[in-house]
Amino acid sequence: MKRSLTTLTTLTALLCASALAGGAQGQTIPDRGTVTVNGATVFYKATGSGEPLLLIHGYPLSGELFKNNRTLPGYRVITVDLPGFGQSRAPGREASIENYATTMLGFMDAVGLDRAVVGGMSMGGMTLLQMYKTAPDRFKGLILIDTTAEPSGVAEKANWLGTAQQAEQKGVASLVDILMPRMLTSVSRSTMPNQVQHLGGLVKAASLNGAVGGAVALANRPDANPVLPTIRVPTLIIAGMEDNLTPTELQVKMNKAIPGSRLVNIPGAGHAATFEKALAVNAALRAWLPTTR
């Protein structure tokens, strides 16, 4: 199979504790490690055993967004930190959704994932759609979580560029107060301080390169609507019903455009539904995943 990335990739295993069955073709994916690809150092964790399931987080979080989604029977769940976020490192502030997609396909090459079920939340979902556009044969199924295929409109583009400017001028930690009302519902913010603390910590862990580059990438993201009708693998769309960043009508639009896709609405969840209502999301995943076998 022709690989999506021609740059040299290297895999450095950290804490290769036990040889769990990884589901990667011909090799076991270590419990955690780093991949150097496309000029970036990408950190990942892998949990469980079975078929590979790769999850890509949104802005400006990390793979720890999925900390409560890693136990899915029959799957080796792999979470990554996009360049500049979490424990990954970006070579600079230049970033785009297309570049994230190239890097994630390179990551799949490096760890030996010829084909896999892949999920993406928000910016991760936008990245996933570009990955599918580039290499549709690499996927057994898609999971689109609180995301959209729409490009940024004028107002949204200005908002993301303003986010980049704020990170530059006031620091990445200043983004917590403006992003948390988007991530979590008001009920969770007032009654679940542990959720606020966890997601806030993920935001603060982002590097300035990641925060600025990711916001610019969101501002200039491509229109992925033409990709939707070309999708020929099982697709699950998960939507937090109180998501005020990618509202449910955008999820409904994707559901109508992707042949045979399944839409699951998560009551009482905002933009970070996979974390805020992890039990409901996990139930949706367990019910849908058999369709990809």
Protein backbone atom coordinates (compact mmCIF):
# COMPACT_ATOMS: atom_id res chain seq x y z
CA MET A 1 0.00 0.00 0.00
CA LYS A 2 1.28 3.42 -0.89
CA ARG A 3 1.88 5.44 2.22
CA SER A 4 0.39 8.85 2.71
CA LEU A 5 3.61 10.41 3.98
CA THR A 6 7.11 10.13 2.56
CA THR A 7 8.96 11.87 5.35
CA LEU A 8 11.00 9.75 7.74
CA THR A 9 9.03 8.56 10.75
CA THR A 10 10.44 7.07 13.92
CA LEU A 11 8.71 5.36 16.77
CA THR A 12 10.05 5.75 20.31
CA ALA A 13 8.33 3.57 22.87
CA LEU A 14 7.95 4.83 26.45
CA LEU A 15 6.87 2.38 29.12
CA CYS A 16 6.52 -0.67 26.84
CA ALA A 17 5.20 -2.58 29.81
CA SER A 18 3.13 -5.46 28.54
CA ALA A 19 2.67 -6.85 25.05
CA LEU A 20 -1.07 -6.41 24.77
CA ALA A 21 -2.73 -7.37 21.50
CA GLY A 22 -2.85 -4.17 19.54
CA GLY A 23 -4.79 -5.01 16.41
CA ALA A 24 -2.13 -3.22 14.36
CA GLN A 25 -1.19 -5.21 11.29
CA GLY A 26 1.84 -7.30 12.19
CA GLN A 27 2.90 -5.47 15.35
CA THR A 28 1.86 -4.54 18.86
CA ILE A 29 1.35 -0.87 19.63
CA PRO A 30 3.15 -0.01 22.90
CA ASP A 31 1.15 1.38 25.81
CA ARG A 32 2.53 4.83 25.14
CA GLY A 33 5.19 6.43 23.01
CA THR A 34 6.11 9.18 20.60
CA VAL A 35 6.19 9.32 16.83
CA THR A 36 8.31 11.86 15.00
CA VAL A 37 6.48 12.68 11.79
CA ASN A 38 6.11 15.69 9.50
CA GLY A 39 8.48 17.69 11.73
CA ALA A 40 6.35 17.18 14.83
CA THR A 41 6.70 14.90 17.85
CA VAL A 42 3.36 13.20 18.46
CA PHE A 43 2.62 11.56 21.81
CA TYR A 44 0.09 8.75 22.15
CA LYS A 45 -1.39 6.27 24.63
CA ALA A 46 -2.86 2.85 23.86
CA THR A 47 -5.19 0.93 26.18
CA GLY A 48 -6.97 -2.43 26.00
CA SER A 49 -6.66 -5.20 23.44
CA GLY A 50 -8.25 -6.05 20.12
CA GLU A 51 -9.02 -4.08 16.99
CA PRO A 52 -7.41 -0.60 16.81
CA LEU A 53 -9.56 2.46 17.48
CA LEU A 54 -7.78 5.79 17.03
CA LEU A 55 -9.25 8.93 18.66
CA ILE A 56 -8.26 12.52 17.77
CA HIS A 57 -9.09 15.38 20.16
CA GLY A 58 -10.35 18.91 19.52
CA TYR A 59 -8.94 22.38 20.18
CA PRO A 60 -7.05 23.15 22.41
CA LEU A 61 -7.16 19.88 24.32
CA SER A 62 -5.22 16.59 24.17
CA GLY A 63 -5.78 12.86 24.09
CA GLU A 64 -6.75 13.07 27.78
CA LEU A 65 -10.12 14.37 26.58
CA PHE A 66 -10.85 10.66 26.04
CA LYS A 67 -9.63 9.50 29.47
CA ASN A 68 -13.05 7.96 30.19
CA ASN A 69 -13.50 6.42 26.74
CA ARG A 70 -10.50 4.10 26.72
CA THR A 71 -12.19 0.92 27.97
CA LEU A 72 -14.11 -0.57 25.07
CA PRO A 73 -14.19 -4.38 24.98
CA GLY A 74 -12.49 -5.83 21.92
CA TYR A 75 -10.59 -2.65 21.05
CA ARG A 76 -7.10 -1.28 21.51
CA VAL A 77 -7.99 2.40 22.03
CA ILE A 78 -5.25 4.77 20.87
CA THR A 79 -5.42 8.45 21.80
CA VAL A 80 -3.05 11.02 20.33
CA ASP A 81 -1.99 14.56 21.17
CA LEU A 82 -2.01 16.68 18.02
CA PRO A 83 1.19 18.70 17.41
CA GLY A 84 1.49 21.50 19.96
CA PHE A 85 -1.04 20.02 22.39
CA GLY A 86 -0.62 17.86 25.48
CA GLN A 87 2.75 16.13 25.37
CA SER A 88 3.23 16.58 21.61
CA ARG A 89 5.48 19.23 20.12
CA ALA A 90 4.93 21.37 17.03
CA PRO A 91 7.88 22.69 15.01
CA GLY A 92 6.26 26.14 14.71
CA ARG A 93 2.97 28.04 14.67
CA GLU A 94 2.10 27.25 11.05
CA ALA A 95 -0.81 24.81 11.14
CA SER A 96 -3.77 23.74 9.05
CA ILE A 97 -6.44 21.06 9.15
CA GLU A 98 -4.85 19.52 6.05
CA ASN A 99 -1.46 19.40 7.79
CA TYR A 100 -2.97 17.76 10.87
CA ALA A 101 -4.52 15.17 8.55
CA THR A 102 -1.18 14.45 6.87
CA THR A 103 0.47 14.10 10.27
CA MET A 104 -2.18 11.70 11.56
CA LEU A 105 -1.91 9.52 8.45
CA GLY A 106 1.84 9.52 9.01
CA PHE A 107 1.21 8.49 12.61
CA MET A 108 -0.87 5.55 11.39
CA ASP A 109 2.00 4.55 9.10
CA ALA A 110 4.53 4.73 11.92
CA VAL A 111 2.59 2.50 14.33
CA GLY A 112 1.54 0.05 11.62
CA LEU A 113 -2.15 0.87 11.26
CA ASP A 114 -2.99 0.05 7.66
CA ARG A 115 -6.73 0.32 8.37
CA ALA A 116 -8.62 1.31 11.50
CA VAL A 117 -11.76 2.80 12.94
CA VAL A 118 -10.92 6.45 13.62
CA GLY A 119 -12.83 9.04 15.61
CA GLY A 120 -12.39 12.77 15.90
CA MET A 121 -13.92 15.40 18.18
CA SER A 122 -14.42 18.97 16.85
CA MET A 123 -11.10 19.95 15.21
CA GLY A 124 -10.22 16.25 15.34
CA GLY A 125 -13.35 15.47 13.33
CA MET A 126 -12.43 18.10 10.75
CA THR A 127 -9.00 16.50 10.57
CA LEU A 128 -10.60 13.08 10.14
CA LEU A 129 -12.68 14.21 7.17
CA GLN A 130 -9.51 15.43 5.43
CA MET A 131 -7.80 12.13 6.26
CA TYR A 132 -10.65 10.26 4.62
CA LYS A 133 -10.54 12.55 1.58
CA THR A 134 -6.82 11.80 1.16
CA ALA A 135 -6.80 8.07 1.91
CA PRO A 136 -10.28 6.50 2.14
CA ASP A 137 -8.87 2.98 2.01
CA ARG A 138 -7.26 3.47 5.45
CA PHE A 139 -10.58 3.41 7.33
CA LYS A 140 -12.91 0.71 8.62
CA GLY A 141 -15.26 3.28 10.13
CA LEU A 142 -15.54 6.94 11.12
CA ILE A 143 -16.75 8.53 14.37
CA LEU A 144 -17.53 12.24 14.09
CA ILE A 145 -18.01 13.80 17.53
CA ASP A 146 -19.36 17.34 18.01
CA THR A 147 -17.85 18.50 14.74
CA THR A 148 -18.85 19.98 11.40
CA ALA A 149 -18.00 19.84 7.72
CA GLU A 150 -18.68 23.56 7.32
CA PRO A 151 -15.91 26.09 6.66
CA SER A 152 -15.67 29.08 8.98
CA GLY A 153 -18.03 31.92 8.16
CA VAL A 154 -16.91 35.52 8.45
CA ALA A 155 -17.87 35.93 12.11
CA GLU A 156 -16.47 32.57 13.19
CA LYS A 157 -13.22 33.17 11.34
CA ALA A 158 -12.79 36.49 13.13
CA ASN A 159 -13.52 34.76 16.44
CA TRP A 160 -10.82 32.12 15.91
CA LEU A 161 -8.28 34.68 14.79
CA GLY A 162 -9.15 36.64 17.92
CA THR A 163 -8.55 33.51 19.99
CA ALA A 164 -5.09 33.17 18.44
CA GLN A 165 -4.36 36.82 19.21
CA GLN A 166 -5.51 36.43 22.81
CA ALA A 167 -3.26 33.40 23.31
CA GLU A 168 -0.37 35.42 21.90
CA GLN A 169 -0.98 38.48 24.03
CA LYS A 170 -2.37 37.08 27.29
CA GLY A 171 -1.11 33.51 27.34
CA VAL A 172 -2.73 30.14 26.69
CA ALA A 173 -4.22 29.94 30.20
CA SER A 174 -6.39 32.96 29.39
CA LEU A 175 -8.37 30.79 26.96
CA VAL A 176 -9.89 28.69 29.75
CA ASP A 177 -12.55 31.23 30.70
CA ILE A 178 -13.74 31.76 27.13
CA LEU A 179 -13.69 28.10 26.11
CA MET A 180 -15.19 26.38 29.16
CA PRO A 181 -18.75 27.65 28.53
CA ARG A 182 -18.48 26.01 25.11
CA MET A 183 -17.07 22.73 26.37
CA LEU A 184 -19.46 22.04 29.25
CA THR A 185 -23.08 22.83 30.02
CA SER A 186 -23.87 25.31 32.77
CA VAL A 187 -25.13 22.43 34.94
CA SER A 188 -21.82 20.58 34.69
CA ARG A 189 -19.80 23.73 35.28
CA SER A 190 -21.70 24.44 38.49
CA THR A 191 -21.98 20.90 39.85
CA MET A 192 -18.96 19.05 38.44
CA PRO A 193 -15.87 21.06 39.39
CA ASN A 194 -13.67 18.06 38.61
CA GLN A 195 -14.73 18.25 34.96
CA VAL A 196 -13.93 21.96 34.80
CA GLN A 197 -10.56 21.34 36.43
CA HIS A 198 -9.66 18.49 34.06
CA LEU A 199 -10.58 20.26 30.82
CA GLY A 200 -9.08 23.53 32.06
CA GLY A 201 -5.85 21.69 32.76
CA LEU A 202 -5.80 20.32 29.21
CA VAL A 203 -6.20 23.84 27.80
CA LYS A 204 -3.36 25.16 29.99
CA ALA A 205 -1.12 22.30 28.85
CA ALA A 206 -1.29 23.43 25.22
CA SER A 207 1.81 25.18 23.93
CA LEU A 208 1.65 28.66 22.44
CA ASN A 209 2.53 27.15 19.06
CA GLY A 210 -0.40 24.78 19.39
CA ALA A 211 -2.91 27.35 20.63
CA VAL A 212 -2.07 29.92 17.96
CA GLY A 213 -1.63 27.42 15.12
CA GLY A 214 -4.79 25.49 15.96
CA ALA A 215 -6.96 28.62 16.14
CA VAL A 216 -5.65 29.79 12.77
CA ALA A 217 -6.27 26.31 11.35
CA LEU A 218 -9.88 26.46 12.52
CA ALA A 219 -10.31 29.93 11.06
CA ASN A 220 -9.07 28.77 7.66
CA ARG A 221 -10.44 25.24 7.60
CA PRO A 222 -11.57 23.79 4.26
CA ASP A 223 -15.15 23.08 3.27
CA ALA A 224 -15.51 19.33 3.85
CA ASN A 225 -19.11 19.06 2.64
CA PRO A 226 -18.01 17.55 -0.72
CA VAL A 227 -16.33 14.72 1.23
CA LEU A 228 -19.51 13.60 3.00
CA PRO A 229 -21.35 11.84 0.13
CA THR A 230 -18.14 9.99 -0.81
CA ILE A 231 -17.91 8.21 2.55
CA ARG A 232 -18.44 4.47 2.06
CA VAL A 233 -17.63 3.10 5.51
CA PRO A 234 -19.86 2.86 8.61
CA THR A 235 -20.09 6.30 10.20
CA LEU A 236 -21.29 7.30 13.66
CA ILE A 237 -22.12 10.93 14.42
CA ILE A 238 -22.28 11.90 18.10
CA ALA A 239 -23.84 15.23 19.04
CA GLY A 240 -24.10 16.92 22.43
CA MET A 241 -27.61 18.31 22.44
CA GLU A 242 -26.48 21.50 24.21
CA ASP A 243 -23.41 22.05 22.04
CA ASN A 244 -23.30 25.78 21.28
CA LEU A 245 -20.16 25.62 19.12
CA THR A 246 -21.18 22.98 16.58
CA PRO A 247 -24.97 22.91 17.10
CA THR A 248 -26.99 19.75 16.49
CA GLU A 249 -28.36 21.04 13.19
CA LEU A 250 -24.85 20.74 11.77
CA GLN A 251 -24.72 17.11 12.90
CA VAL A 252 -28.13 16.47 11.33
CA LYS A 253 -26.85 17.94 8.05
CA MET A 254 -23.86 15.58 8.06
CA ASN A 255 -26.11 12.63 8.90
CA LYS A 256 -28.25 13.36 5.84
CA ALA A 257 -25.21 13.75 3.58
CA ILE A 258 -23.26 10.62 4.65
CA PRO A 259 -24.87 7.45 3.24
CA GLY A 260 -26.01 5.05 5.95
CA SER A 261 -24.60 7.10 8.82
CA ARG A 262 -26.02 6.90 12.33
CA LEU A 263 -26.68 9.98 14.47
CA VAL A 264 -26.77 9.69 18.27
CA ASN A 265 -27.79 12.73 20.31
CA ILE A 266 -26.39 12.97 23.84
CA PRO A 267 -28.78 14.79 26.22
CA GLY A 268 -27.29 17.20 28.75
CA ALA A 269 -23.98 17.46 26.91
CA GLY A 270 -22.15 20.44 25.47
CA HIS A 271 -19.27 20.49 23.00
CA ALA A 272 -17.13 18.04 25.00
CA ALA A 273 -19.87 15.38 25.09
CA THR A 274 -17.40 12.49 24.98
CA PHE A 275 -16.01 13.67 28.34
CA GLU A 276 -19.03 15.33 29.94
CA LYS A 277 -21.33 12.35 29.30
CA ALA A 278 -18.77 9.58 28.85
CA LEU A 279 -21.12 6.75 29.88
CA ALA A 280 -23.69 7.69 27.23
CA VAL A 281 -21.01 8.12 24.58
CA ASN A 282 -19.41 4.79 25.46
CA ALA A 283 -22.80 3.08 25.20
CA ALA A 284 -23.28 4.58 21.73
CA LEU A 285 -19.82 3.39 20.70
CA ARG A 286 -20.40 -0.16 21.97
CA ALA A 287 -23.71 -0.36 20.12
CA TRP A 288 -22.24 0.92 16.84
CA LEU A 289 -18.75 -0.59 16.69
CA PRO A 290 -19.94 -4.09 15.63
CA THR A 291 -21.10 -2.55 12.33
CA THR A 292 -17.45 -1.95 11.38
CA ARG A 293 -16.41 -5.60 11.67
